[in-house]
Amino acid sequence: MAKLEKILSGNFDEILKRIESGILNGSMSASLEDASDFCGTNARCSVRVFERYSYIGSNRVSLNVTLFQSADGTVRLSAITSGGSQAMFFKINTLGEEAFLDKLREIL
């Protein structure tokens, strides 16, 4: 598992659109598995779950991206990857997870 957390500046919708298109256009096997959006009086939250095939690990890895904007306009991002290990009892070969997260770093 790999994790990235950042505070971003910019328009929430534009950031989300850039992440979605960057991930989906950045890998031939990338897909958007599901999405969820919440809005409140002074906050909003969007969750995206992406998946792609990892040639490095010969398996599929997922990337969960959460964007949260509070009343002060600050946009927070939390991104967590999973699924890159091939072992049964402990994690080995998590390079595919790191590579997926590196793609998001490039987009940001």
PDB file of N, CA and C in Angstrom:
ATOM      1  N   MET A   1       0.845  -1.159   0.000  1.00  0.00           N
ATOM      2  CA  MET A   1       0.000   0.000   0.000  1.00  0.00           C
ATOM      3  C   MET A   1       0.897   1.231   0.000  1.00  0.00           C
ATOM      4  N   ALA A   2       0.524   2.200  -0.804  1.00  0.00           N
ATOM      5  CA  ALA A   2       1.247   3.469  -0.855  1.00  0.00           C
ATOM      6  C   ALA A   2       0.229   4.590  -0.689  1.00  0.00           C
ATOM      7  N   LYS A   3       0.674   5.694  -0.074  1.00  0.00           N
ATOM      8  CA  LYS A   3      -0.262   6.780   0.208  1.00  0.00           C
ATOM      9  C   LYS A   3       0.367   8.123  -0.121  1.00  0.00           C
ATOM     10  N   LEU A   4      -0.475   9.039  -0.623  1.00  0.00           N
ATOM     11  CA  LEU A   4      -0.073  10.404  -0.914  1.00  0.00           C
ATOM     12  C   LEU A   4      -1.141  11.330  -0.350  1.00  0.00           C
ATOM     13  N   GLU A   5      -0.720  12.316   0.439  1.00  0.00           N
ATOM     14  CA  GLU A   5      -1.651  13.325   0.937  1.00  0.00           C
ATOM     15  C   GLU A   5      -1.072  14.692   0.627  1.00  0.00           C
ATOM     16  N   LYS A   6      -1.930  15.600   0.109  1.00  0.00           N
ATOM     17  CA  LYS A   6      -1.482  16.926  -0.274  1.00  0.00           C
ATOM     18  C   LYS A   6      -2.579  17.946  -0.030  1.00  0.00           C
ATOM     19  N   ILE A   7      -2.171  19.178   0.173  1.00  0.00           N
ATOM     20  CA  ILE A   7      -3.083  20.310   0.160  1.00  0.00           C
ATOM     21  C   ILE A   7      -2.864  21.000  -1.178  1.00  0.00           C
ATOM     22  N   LEU A   8      -3.942  21.192  -1.928  1.00  0.00           N
ATOM     23  CA  LEU A   8      -3.858  21.735  -3.276  1.00  0.00           C
ATOM     24  C   LEU A   8      -4.528  23.097  -3.342  1.00  0.00           C
ATOM     25  N   SER A   9      -4.111  23.893  -4.305  1.00  0.00           N
ATOM     26  CA  SER A   9      -4.800  25.153  -4.557  1.00  0.00           C
ATOM     27  C   SER A   9      -5.368  25.083  -5.971  1.00  0.00           C
ATOM     28  N   GLY A  10      -6.511  25.712  -6.152  1.00  0.00           N
ATOM     29  CA  GLY A  10      -7.148  25.713  -7.458  1.00  0.00           C
ATOM     30  C   GLY A  10      -8.607  25.358  -7.352  1.00  0.00           C
ATOM     31  N   ASN A  11      -9.249  25.316  -8.499  1.00  0.00           N
ATOM     32  CA  ASN A  11     -10.665  25.011  -8.584  1.00  0.00           C
ATOM     33  C   ASN A  11     -10.898  23.511  -8.381  1.00  0.00           C
ATOM     34  N   PHE A  12     -11.783  23.176  -7.452  1.00  0.00           N
ATOM     35  CA  PHE A  12     -12.074  21.778  -7.118  1.00  0.00           C
ATOM     36  C   PHE A  12     -12.441  20.964  -8.355  1.00  0.00           C
ATOM     37  N   ASP A  13     -13.385  21.475  -9.153  1.00  0.00           N
ATOM     38  CA  ASP A  13     -13.851  20.735 -10.337  1.00  0.00           C
ATOM     39  C   ASP A  13     -12.740  20.542 -11.357  1.00  0.00           C
ATOM     40  N   GLU A  14     -11.900  21.545 -11.538  1.00  0.00           N
ATOM     41  CA  GLU A  14     -10.799  21.426 -12.494  1.00  0.00           C
ATOM     42  C   GLU A  14      -9.751  20.419 -12.023  1.00  0.00           C
ATOM     43  N   ILE A  15      -9.472  20.430 -10.732  1.00  0.00           N
ATOM     44  CA  ILE A  15      -8.519  19.462 -10.180  1.00  0.00           C
ATOM     45  C   ILE A  15      -9.043  18.043 -10.378  1.00  0.00           C
ATOM     46  N   LEU A  16     -10.320  17.835 -10.059  1.00  0.00           N
ATOM     47  CA  LEU A  16     -10.921  16.510 -10.205  1.00  0.00           C
ATOM     48  C   LEU A  16     -10.905  16.053 -11.661  1.00  0.00           C
ATOM     49  N   LYS A  17     -11.261  16.949 -12.568  1.00  0.00           N
ATOM     50  CA  LYS A  17     -11.271  16.607 -13.999  1.00  0.00           C
ATOM     51  C   LYS A  17      -9.861  16.269 -14.487  1.00  0.00           C
ATOM     52  N   ARG A  18      -8.867  17.036 -14.029  1.00  0.00           N
ATOM     53  CA  ARG A  18      -7.478  16.780 -14.425  1.00  0.00           C
ATOM     54  C   ARG A  18      -7.011  15.414 -13.925  1.00  0.00           C
ATOM     55  N   ILE A  19      -7.386  15.065 -12.692  1.00  0.00           N
ATOM     56  CA  ILE A  19      -7.013  13.754 -12.140  1.00  0.00           C
ATOM     57  C   ILE A  19      -7.679  12.636 -12.939  1.00  0.00           C
ATOM     58  N   GLU A  20      -8.984  12.745 -13.157  1.00  0.00           N
ATOM     59  CA  GLU A  20      -9.708  11.701 -13.893  1.00  0.00           C
ATOM     60  C   GLU A  20      -9.129  11.500 -15.288  1.00  0.00           C
ATOM     61  N   SER A  21      -8.986  12.573 -16.042  1.00  0.00           N
ATOM     62  CA  SER A  21      -8.496  12.416 -17.415  1.00  0.00           C
ATOM     63  C   SER A  21      -7.034  11.980 -17.440  1.00  0.00           C
ATOM     64  N   GLY A  22      -6.232  12.479 -16.511  1.00  0.00           N
ATOM     65  CA  GLY A  22      -4.826  12.093 -16.474  1.00  0.00           C
ATOM     66  C   GLY A  22      -4.621  10.627 -16.180  1.00  0.00           C
ATOM     67  N   ILE A  23      -5.377  10.096 -15.234  1.00  0.00           N
ATOM     68  CA  ILE A  23      -5.264   8.669 -14.900  1.00  0.00           C
ATOM     69  C   ILE A  23      -5.781   7.809 -16.043  1.00  0.00           C
ATOM     70  N   LEU A  24      -6.954   8.143 -16.561  1.00  0.00           N
ATOM     71  CA  LEU A  24      -7.560   7.319 -17.612  1.00  0.00           C
ATOM     72  C   LEU A  24      -6.790   7.379 -18.926  1.00  0.00           C
ATOM     73  N   ASN A  25      -6.192   8.516 -19.237  1.00  0.00           N
ATOM     74  CA  ASN A  25      -5.411   8.647 -20.473  1.00  0.00           C
ATOM     75  C   ASN A  25      -3.953   8.265 -20.284  1.00  0.00           C
ATOM     76  N   GLY A  26      -3.548   8.033 -19.031  1.00  0.00           N
ATOM     77  CA  GLY A  26      -2.153   7.726 -18.747  1.00  0.00           C
ATOM     78  C   GLY A  26      -1.798   6.261 -18.810  1.00  0.00           C
ATOM     79  N   SER A  27      -2.788   5.408 -18.979  1.00  0.00           N
ATOM     80  CA  SER A  27      -2.535   3.971 -19.042  1.00  0.00           C
ATOM     81  C   SER A  27      -3.606   3.316 -19.899  1.00  0.00           C
ATOM     82  N   MET A  28      -3.177   2.447 -20.787  1.00  0.00           N
ATOM     83  CA  MET A  28      -4.111   1.766 -21.679  1.00  0.00           C
ATOM     84  C   MET A  28      -5.097   0.896 -20.902  1.00  0.00           C
ATOM     85  N   SER A  29      -4.694   0.393 -19.738  1.00  0.00           N
ATOM     86  CA  SER A  29      -5.556  -0.517 -18.989  1.00  0.00           C
ATOM     87  C   SER A  29      -6.306   0.159 -17.838  1.00  0.00           C
ATOM     88  N   ALA A  30      -6.137   1.483 -17.676  1.00  0.00           N
ATOM     89  CA  ALA A  30      -6.779   2.187 -16.558  1.00  0.00           C
ATOM     90  C   ALA A  30      -8.285   2.301 -16.772  1.00  0.00           C
ATOM     91  N   SER A  31      -9.023   2.149 -15.677  1.00  0.00           N
ATOM     92  CA  SER A  31     -10.481   2.301 -15.730  1.00  0.00           C
ATOM     93  C   SER A  31     -10.958   2.991 -14.452  1.00  0.00           C
ATOM     94  N   LEU A  32     -12.066   3.687 -14.558  1.00  0.00           N
ATOM     95  CA  LEU A  32     -12.715   4.273 -13.395  1.00  0.00           C
ATOM     96  C   LEU A  32     -13.731   3.247 -12.925  1.00  0.00           C
ATOM     97  N   GLU A  33     -13.477   2.661 -11.769  1.00  0.00           N
ATOM     98  CA  GLU A  33     -14.329   1.589 -11.267  1.00  0.00           C
ATOM     99  C   GLU A  33     -15.601   2.112 -10.615  1.00  0.00           C
ATOM    100  N   ASP A  34     -15.495   3.229  -9.899  1.00  0.00           N
ATOM    101  CA  ASP A  34     -16.682   3.811  -9.275  1.00  0.00           C
ATOM    102  C   ASP A  34     -16.362   5.223  -8.813  1.00  0.00           C
ATOM    103  N   ALA A  35     -17.412   5.990  -8.548  1.00  0.00           N
ATOM    104  CA  ALA A  35     -17.268   7.375  -8.129  1.00  0.00           C
ATOM    105  C   ALA A  35     -18.378   7.721  -7.153  1.00  0.00           C
ATOM    106  N   SER A  36     -18.078   8.662  -6.261  1.00  0.00           N
ATOM    107  CA  SER A  36     -19.070   9.125  -5.299  1.00  0.00           C
ATOM    108  C   SER A  36     -18.796  10.586  -4.995  1.00  0.00           C
ATOM    109  N   ASP A  37     -19.858  11.389  -4.915  1.00  0.00           N
ATOM    110  CA  ASP A  37     -19.731  12.812  -4.643  1.00  0.00           C
ATOM    111  C   ASP A  37     -20.712  13.215  -3.558  1.00  0.00           C
ATOM    112  N   PHE A  38     -20.220  14.053  -2.633  1.00  0.00           N
ATOM    113  CA  PHE A  38     -21.044  14.554  -1.544  1.00  0.00           C
ATOM    114  C   PHE A  38     -20.885  16.065  -1.458  1.00  0.00           C
ATOM    115  N   CYS A  39     -21.967  16.759  -1.200  1.00  0.00           N
ATOM    116  CA  CYS A  39     -21.928  18.210  -0.983  1.00  0.00           C
ATOM    117  C   CYS A  39     -22.715  18.535   0.268  1.00  0.00           C
ATOM    118  N   GLY A  40     -22.164  19.425   1.071  1.00  0.00           N
ATOM    119  CA  GLY A  40     -22.852  19.927   2.250  1.00  0.00           C
ATOM    120  C   GLY A  40     -22.925  21.430   2.157  1.00  0.00           C
ATOM    121  N   THR A  41     -23.362  22.046   3.210  1.00  0.00           N
ATOM    122  CA  THR A  41     -23.498  23.498   3.217  1.00  0.00           C
ATOM    123  C   THR A  41     -22.166  24.185   2.957  1.00  0.00           C
ATOM    124  N   ASN A  42     -21.115  23.741   3.611  1.00  0.00           N
ATOM    125  CA  ASN A  42     -19.817  24.401   3.493  1.00  0.00           C
ATOM    126  C   ASN A  42     -18.687  23.456   3.109  1.00  0.00           C
ATOM    127  N   ALA A  43     -19.015  22.307   2.573  1.00  0.00           N
ATOM    128  CA  ALA A  43     -17.965  21.345   2.227  1.00  0.00           C
ATOM    129  C   ALA A  43     -18.409  20.470   1.071  1.00  0.00           C
ATOM    130  N   ARG A  44     -17.427  19.874   0.420  1.00  0.00           N
ATOM    131  CA  ARG A  44     -17.714  18.885  -0.625  1.00  0.00           C
ATOM    132  C   ARG A  44     -16.614  17.846  -0.649  1.00  0.00           C
ATOM    133  N   CYS A  45     -16.987  16.670  -1.126  1.00  0.00           N
ATOM    134  CA  CYS A  45     -16.064  15.550  -1.141  1.00  0.00           C
ATOM    135  C   CYS A  45     -16.337  14.698  -2.383  1.00  0.00           C
ATOM    136  N   SER A  46     -15.286  14.313  -3.078  1.00  0.00           N
ATOM    137  CA  SER A  46     -15.394  13.412  -4.226  1.00  0.00           C
ATOM    138  C   SER A  46     -14.429  12.256  -4.030  1.00  0.00           C
ATOM    139  N   VAL A  47     -14.918  11.054  -4.292  1.00  0.00           N
ATOM    140  CA  VAL A  47     -14.116   9.843  -4.179  1.00  0.00           C
ATOM    141  C   VAL A  47     -14.108   9.155  -5.536  1.00  0.00           C
ATOM    142  N   ARG A  48     -12.934   8.755  -5.986  1.00  0.00           N
ATOM    143  CA  ARG A  48     -12.784   8.027  -7.247  1.00  0.00           C
ATOM    144  C   ARG A  48     -11.933   6.789  -6.988  1.00  0.00           C
ATOM    145  N   VAL A  49     -12.356   5.671  -7.570  1.00  0.00           N
ATOM    146  CA  VAL A  49     -11.586   4.431  -7.469  1.00  0.00           C
ATOM    147  C   VAL A  49     -11.197   4.014  -8.889  1.00  0.00           C
ATOM    148  N   PHE A  50      -9.900   4.010  -9.135  1.00  0.00           N
ATOM    149  CA  PHE A  50      -9.347   3.626 -10.433  1.00  0.00           C
ATOM    150  C   PHE A  50      -8.666   2.268 -10.300  1.00  0.00           C
ATOM    151  N   GLU A  51      -8.541   1.592 -11.422  1.00  0.00           N
ATOM    152  CA  GLU A  51      -7.834   0.319 -11.441  1.00  0.00           C
ATOM    153  C   GLU A  51      -7.049   0.241 -12.739  1.00  0.00           C
ATOM    154  N   ARG A  52      -5.906  -0.433 -12.702  1.00  0.00           N
ATOM    155  CA  ARG A  52      -5.132  -0.669 -13.926  1.00  0.00           C
ATOM    156  C   ARG A  52      -4.282  -1.917 -13.753  1.00  0.00           C
ATOM    157  N   TYR A  53      -3.850  -2.443 -14.874  1.00  0.00           N
ATOM    158  CA  TYR A  53      -2.965  -3.604 -14.866  1.00  0.00           C
ATOM    159  C   TYR A  53      -1.537  -3.130 -14.646  1.00  0.00           C
ATOM    160  N   SER A  54      -0.818  -3.800 -13.777  1.00  0.00           N
ATOM    161  CA  SER A  54       0.581  -3.485 -13.509  1.00  0.00           C
ATOM    162  C   SER A  54       1.462  -4.528 -14.191  1.00  0.00           C
ATOM    163  N   TYR A  55       2.190  -4.098 -15.210  1.00  0.00           N
ATOM    164  CA  TYR A  55       3.108  -5.017 -15.879  1.00  0.00           C
ATOM    165  C   TYR A  55       4.253  -5.416 -14.953  1.00  0.00           C
ATOM    166  N   ILE A  56       4.618  -4.491 -14.065  1.00  0.00           N
ATOM    167  CA  ILE A  56       5.714  -4.770 -13.129  1.00  0.00           C
ATOM    168  C   ILE A  56       5.358  -5.935 -12.217  1.00  0.00           C
ATOM    169  N   GLY A  57       4.143  -5.918 -11.682  1.00  0.00           N
ATOM    170  CA  GLY A  57       3.727  -6.948 -10.733  1.00  0.00           C
ATOM    171  C   GLY A  57       2.883  -8.044 -11.343  1.00  0.00           C
ATOM    172  N   SER A  58       2.560  -7.927 -12.626  1.00  0.00           N
ATOM    173  CA  SER A  58       1.698  -8.897 -13.317  1.00  0.00           C
ATOM    174  C   SER A  58       0.371  -9.096 -12.578  1.00  0.00           C
ATOM    175  N   ASN A  59      -0.221  -7.978 -12.143  1.00  0.00           N
ATOM    176  CA  ASN A  59      -1.502  -8.041 -11.458  1.00  0.00           C
ATOM    177  C   ASN A  59      -2.216  -6.695 -11.623  1.00  0.00           C
ATOM    178  N   ARG A  60      -3.406  -6.560 -11.068  1.00  0.00           N
ATOM    179  CA  ARG A  60      -4.145  -5.308 -11.118  1.00  0.00           C
ATOM    180  C   ARG A  60      -3.962  -4.564  -9.796  1.00  0.00           C
ATOM    181  N   VAL A  61      -3.849  -3.251  -9.900  1.00  0.00           N
ATOM    182  CA  VAL A  61      -3.736  -2.406  -8.715  1.00  0.00           C
ATOM    183  C   VAL A  61      -4.839  -1.365  -8.747  1.00  0.00           C
ATOM    184  N   SER A  62      -5.248  -0.928  -7.566  1.00  0.00           N
ATOM    185  CA  SER A  62      -6.289   0.090  -7.494  1.00  0.00           C
ATOM    186  C   SER A  62      -5.714   1.366  -6.878  1.00  0.00           C
ATOM    187  N   LEU A  63      -6.358   2.465  -7.219  1.00  0.00           N
ATOM    188  CA  LEU A  63      -5.999   3.776  -6.690  1.00  0.00           C
ATOM    189  C   LEU A  63      -7.277   4.452  -6.232  1.00  0.00           C
ATOM    190  N   ASN A  64      -7.352   4.752  -4.943  1.00  0.00           N
ATOM    191  CA  ASN A  64      -8.497   5.444  -4.377  1.00  0.00           C
ATOM    192  C   ASN A  64      -8.095   6.905  -4.168  1.00  0.00           C
ATOM    193  N   VAL A  65      -8.812   7.830  -4.799  1.00  0.00           N
ATOM    194  CA  VAL A  65      -8.511   9.251  -4.687  1.00  0.00           C
ATOM    195  C   VAL A  65      -9.694   9.947  -4.019  1.00  0.00           C
ATOM    196  N   THR A  66      -9.421  10.672  -2.938  1.00  0.00           N
ATOM    197  CA  THR A  66     -10.443  11.450  -2.247  1.00  0.00           C
ATOM    198  C   THR A  66     -10.034  12.911  -2.260  1.00  0.00           C
ATOM    199  N   LEU A  67     -10.926  13.766  -2.765  1.00  0.00           N
ATOM    200  CA  LEU A  67     -10.742  15.210  -2.711  1.00  0.00           C
ATOM    201  C   LEU A  67     -11.764  15.770  -1.738  1.00  0.00           C
ATOM    202  N   PHE A  68     -11.316  16.659  -0.868  1.00  0.00           N
ATOM    203  CA  PHE A  68     -12.201  17.272   0.116  1.00  0.00           C
ATOM    204  C   PHE A  68     -11.955  18.766   0.130  1.00  0.00           C
ATOM    205  N   GLN A  69     -13.033  19.542   0.059  1.00  0.00           N
ATOM    206  CA  GLN A  69     -12.920  20.991   0.135  1.00  0.00           C
ATOM    207  C   GLN A  69     -13.792  21.500   1.273  1.00  0.00           C
ATOM    208  N   SER A  70     -13.167  22.244   2.179  1.00  0.00           N
ATOM    209  CA  SER A  70     -13.899  22.793   3.322  1.00  0.00           C
ATOM    210  C   SER A  70     -14.325  24.228   3.030  1.00  0.00           C
ATOM    211  N   ALA A  71     -14.982  24.839   3.993  1.00  0.00           N
ATOM    212  CA  ALA A  71     -15.537  26.181   3.822  1.00  0.00           C
ATOM    213  C   ALA A  71     -14.475  27.223   3.478  1.00  0.00           C
ATOM    214  N   ASP A  72     -13.251  27.017   3.930  1.00  0.00           N
ATOM    215  CA  ASP A  72     -12.202  28.001   3.639  1.00  0.00           C
ATOM    216  C   ASP A  72     -11.657  27.889   2.215  1.00  0.00           C
ATOM    217  N   GLY A  73     -12.148  26.909   1.438  1.00  0.00           N
ATOM    218  CA  GLY A  73     -11.746  26.750   0.044  1.00  0.00           C
ATOM    219  C   GLY A  73     -10.543  25.855  -0.172  1.00  0.00           C
ATOM    220  N   THR A  74      -9.899  25.435   0.901  1.00  0.00           N
ATOM    221  CA  THR A  74      -8.740  24.556   0.785  1.00  0.00           C
ATOM    222  C   THR A  74      -9.164  23.197   0.250  1.00  0.00           C
ATOM    223  N   VAL A  75      -8.426  22.689  -0.727  1.00  0.00           N
ATOM    224  CA  VAL A  75      -8.696  21.369  -1.302  1.00  0.00           C
ATOM    225  C   VAL A  75      -7.639  20.402  -0.785  1.00  0.00           C
ATOM    226  N   ARG A  76      -8.105  19.345  -0.141  1.00  0.00           N
ATOM    227  CA  ARG A  76      -7.200  18.323   0.382  1.00  0.00           C
ATOM    228  C   ARG A  76      -7.364  17.050  -0.443  1.00  0.00           C
ATOM    229  N   LEU A  77      -6.239  16.388  -0.699  1.00  0.00           N
ATOM    230  CA  LEU A  77      -6.238  15.148  -1.467  1.00  0.00           C
ATOM    231  C   LEU A  77      -5.645  14.040  -0.615  1.00  0.00           C
ATOM    232  N   SER A  78      -6.289  12.882  -0.662  1.00  0.00           N
ATOM    233  CA  SER A  78      -5.738  11.666  -0.093  1.00  0.00           C
ATOM    234  C   SER A  78      -5.846  10.597  -1.162  1.00  0.00           C
ATOM    235  N   ALA A  79      -4.721   9.967  -1.488  1.00  0.00           N
ATOM    236  CA  ALA A  79      -4.693   8.916  -2.504  1.00  0.00           C
ATOM    237  C   ALA A  79      -3.999   7.694  -1.929  1.00  0.00           C
ATOM    238  N   ILE A  80      -4.657   6.556  -2.053  1.00  0.00           N
ATOM    239  CA  ILE A  80      -4.118   5.312  -1.506  1.00  0.00           C
ATOM    240  C   ILE A  80      -4.219   4.223  -2.568  1.00  0.00           C
ATOM    241  N   THR A  81      -3.118   3.521  -2.781  1.00  0.00           N
ATOM    242  CA  THR A  81      -3.107   2.407  -3.724  1.00  0.00           C
ATOM    243  C   THR A  81      -3.189   1.089  -2.973  1.00  0.00           C
ATOM    244  N   SER A  82      -3.626   0.057  -3.688  1.00  0.00           N
ATOM    245  CA  SER A  82      -3.740  -1.269  -3.076  1.00  0.00           C
ATOM    246  C   SER A  82      -3.725  -2.332  -4.163  1.00  0.00           C
ATOM    247  N   GLY A  83      -3.407  -3.549  -3.746  1.00  0.00           N
ATOM    248  CA  GLY A  83      -3.527  -4.691  -4.646  1.00  0.00           C
ATOM    249  C   GLY A  83      -2.280  -5.078  -5.384  1.00  0.00           C
ATOM    250  N   GLY A  84      -1.145  -4.460  -5.087  1.00  0.00           N
ATOM    251  CA  GLY A  84       0.058  -4.720  -5.861  1.00  0.00           C
ATOM    252  C   GLY A  84       0.900  -5.881  -5.395  1.00  0.00           C
ATOM    253  N   SER A  85       0.484  -6.587  -4.374  1.00  0.00           N
ATOM    254  CA  SER A  85       1.313  -7.666  -3.848  1.00  0.00           C
ATOM    255  C   SER A  85       0.867  -9.022  -4.404  1.00  0.00           C
ATOM    256  N   GLN A  86       1.816  -9.936  -4.506  1.00  0.00           N
ATOM    257  CA  GLN A  86       1.504 -11.275  -4.988  1.00  0.00           C
ATOM    258  C   GLN A  86       1.609 -12.333  -3.896  1.00  0.00           C
ATOM    259  N   ALA A  87       2.051 -11.939  -2.725  1.00  0.00           N
ATOM    260  CA  ALA A  87       2.240 -12.906  -1.645  1.00  0.00           C
ATOM    261  C   ALA A  87       0.933 -13.152  -0.894  1.00  0.00           C
ATOM    262  N   MET A  88       0.853 -14.293  -0.224  1.00  0.00           N
ATOM    263  CA  MET A  88      -0.365 -14.646   0.492  1.00  0.00           C
ATOM    264  C   MET A  88      -0.395 -14.050   1.900  1.00  0.00           C
ATOM    265  N   PHE A  89       0.718 -14.039   2.605  1.00  0.00           N
ATOM    266  CA  PHE A  89       0.716 -13.633   4.007  1.00  0.00           C
ATOM    267  C   PHE A  89       1.431 -12.318   4.293  1.00  0.00           C
ATOM    268  N   PHE A  90       2.212 -11.796   3.350  1.00  0.00           N
ATOM    269  CA  PHE A  90       2.895 -10.524   3.567  1.00  0.00           C
ATOM    270  C   PHE A  90       3.067  -9.854   2.216  1.00  0.00           C
ATOM    271  N   LYS A  91       3.335  -8.561   2.241  1.00  0.00           N
ATOM    272  CA  LYS A  91       3.406  -7.798   0.996  1.00  0.00           C
ATOM    273  C   LYS A  91       4.808  -7.837   0.402  1.00  0.00           C
ATOM    274  N   ILE A  92       4.876  -8.256  -0.839  1.00  0.00           N
ATOM    275  CA  ILE A  92       6.115  -8.163  -1.614  1.00  0.00           C
ATOM    276  C   ILE A  92       5.760  -7.588  -2.976  1.00  0.00           C
ATOM    277  N   ASN A  93       6.738  -7.040  -3.660  1.00  0.00           N
ATOM    278  CA  ASN A  93       6.562  -6.514  -5.000  1.00  0.00           C
ATOM    279  C   ASN A  93       5.418  -5.498  -5.068  1.00  0.00           C
ATOM    280  N   THR A  94       5.573  -4.398  -4.361  1.00  0.00           N
ATOM    281  CA  THR A  94       4.567  -3.335  -4.383  1.00  0.00           C
ATOM    282  C   THR A  94       4.948  -2.221  -5.365  1.00  0.00           C
ATOM    283  N   LEU A  95       5.829  -2.532  -6.308  1.00  0.00           N
ATOM    284  CA  LEU A  95       6.276  -1.541  -7.281  1.00  0.00           C
ATOM    285  C   LEU A  95       5.129  -1.017  -8.141  1.00  0.00           C
ATOM    286  N   GLY A  96       4.157  -1.866  -8.456  1.00  0.00           N
ATOM    287  CA  GLY A  96       3.018  -1.438  -9.260  1.00  0.00           C
ATOM    288  C   GLY A  96       2.193  -0.382  -8.552  1.00  0.00           C
ATOM    289  N   GLU A  97       2.054  -0.515  -7.236  1.00  0.00           N
ATOM    290  CA  GLU A  97       1.318   0.478  -6.451  1.00  0.00           C
ATOM    291  C   GLU A  97       2.048   1.815  -6.482  1.00  0.00           C
ATOM    292  N   GLU A  98       3.348   1.792  -6.276  1.00  0.00           N
ATOM    293  CA  GLU A  98       4.136   3.028  -6.291  1.00  0.00           C
ATOM    294  C   GLU A  98       4.092   3.685  -7.671  1.00  0.00           C
ATOM    295  N   ALA A  99       4.144   2.883  -8.728  1.00  0.00           N
ATOM    296  CA  ALA A  99       4.097   3.426 -10.086  1.00  0.00           C
ATOM    297  C   ALA A  99       2.758   4.109 -10.360  1.00  0.00           C
ATOM    298  N   PHE A 100       1.660   3.537  -9.858  1.00  0.00           N
ATOM    299  CA  PHE A 100       0.336   4.132 -10.035  1.00  0.00           C
ATOM    300  C   PHE A 100       0.276   5.477  -9.302  1.00  0.00           C
ATOM    301  N   LEU A 101       0.814   5.527  -8.105  1.00  0.00           N
ATOM    302  CA  LEU A 101       0.835   6.760  -7.331  1.00  0.00           C
ATOM    303  C   LEU A 101       1.763   7.797  -7.977  1.00  0.00           C
ATOM    304  N   ASP A 102       2.860   7.342  -8.571  1.00  0.00           N
ATOM    305  CA  ASP A 102       3.758   8.256  -9.287  1.00  0.00           C
ATOM    306  C   ASP A 102       3.045   8.935 -10.449  1.00  0.00           C
ATOM    307  N   LYS A 103       2.154   8.216 -11.115  1.00  0.00           N
ATOM    308  CA  LYS A 103       1.371   8.809 -12.206  1.00  0.00           C
ATOM    309  C   LYS A 103       0.522   9.954 -11.682  1.00  0.00           C
ATOM    310  N   LEU A 104      -0.096   9.766 -10.531  1.00  0.00           N
ATOM    311  CA  LEU A 104      -0.899  10.829  -9.928  1.00  0.00           C
ATOM    312  C   LEU A 104      -0.015  12.013  -9.556  1.00  0.00           C
ATOM    313  N   ARG A 105       1.172  11.755  -9.030  1.00  0.00           N
ATOM    314  CA  ARG A 105       2.104  12.846  -8.696  1.00  0.00           C
ATOM    315  C   ARG A 105       2.423  13.680  -9.935  1.00  0.00           C
ATOM    316  N   GLU A 106       2.631  13.020 -11.072  1.00  0.00           N
ATOM    317  CA  GLU A 106       2.896  13.745 -12.334  1.00  0.00           C
ATOM    318  C   GLU A 106       1.723  14.640 -12.703  1.00  0.00           C
ATOM    319  N   ILE A 107       0.522  14.145 -12.537  1.00  0.00           N
ATOM    320  CA  ILE A 107      -0.690  14.891 -12.898  1.00  0.00           C
ATOM    321  C   ILE A 107      -0.842  16.126 -12.023  1.00  0.00           C
ATOM    322  N   LEU A 108      -0.534  15.976 -10.748  1.00  0.00           N
ATOM    323  CA  LEU A 108      -0.681  17.094  -9.807  1.00  0.00           C
ATOM    324  C   LEU A 108       0.407  18.129 -10.005  1.00  0.00           C
TER     325      LEU A 108
END
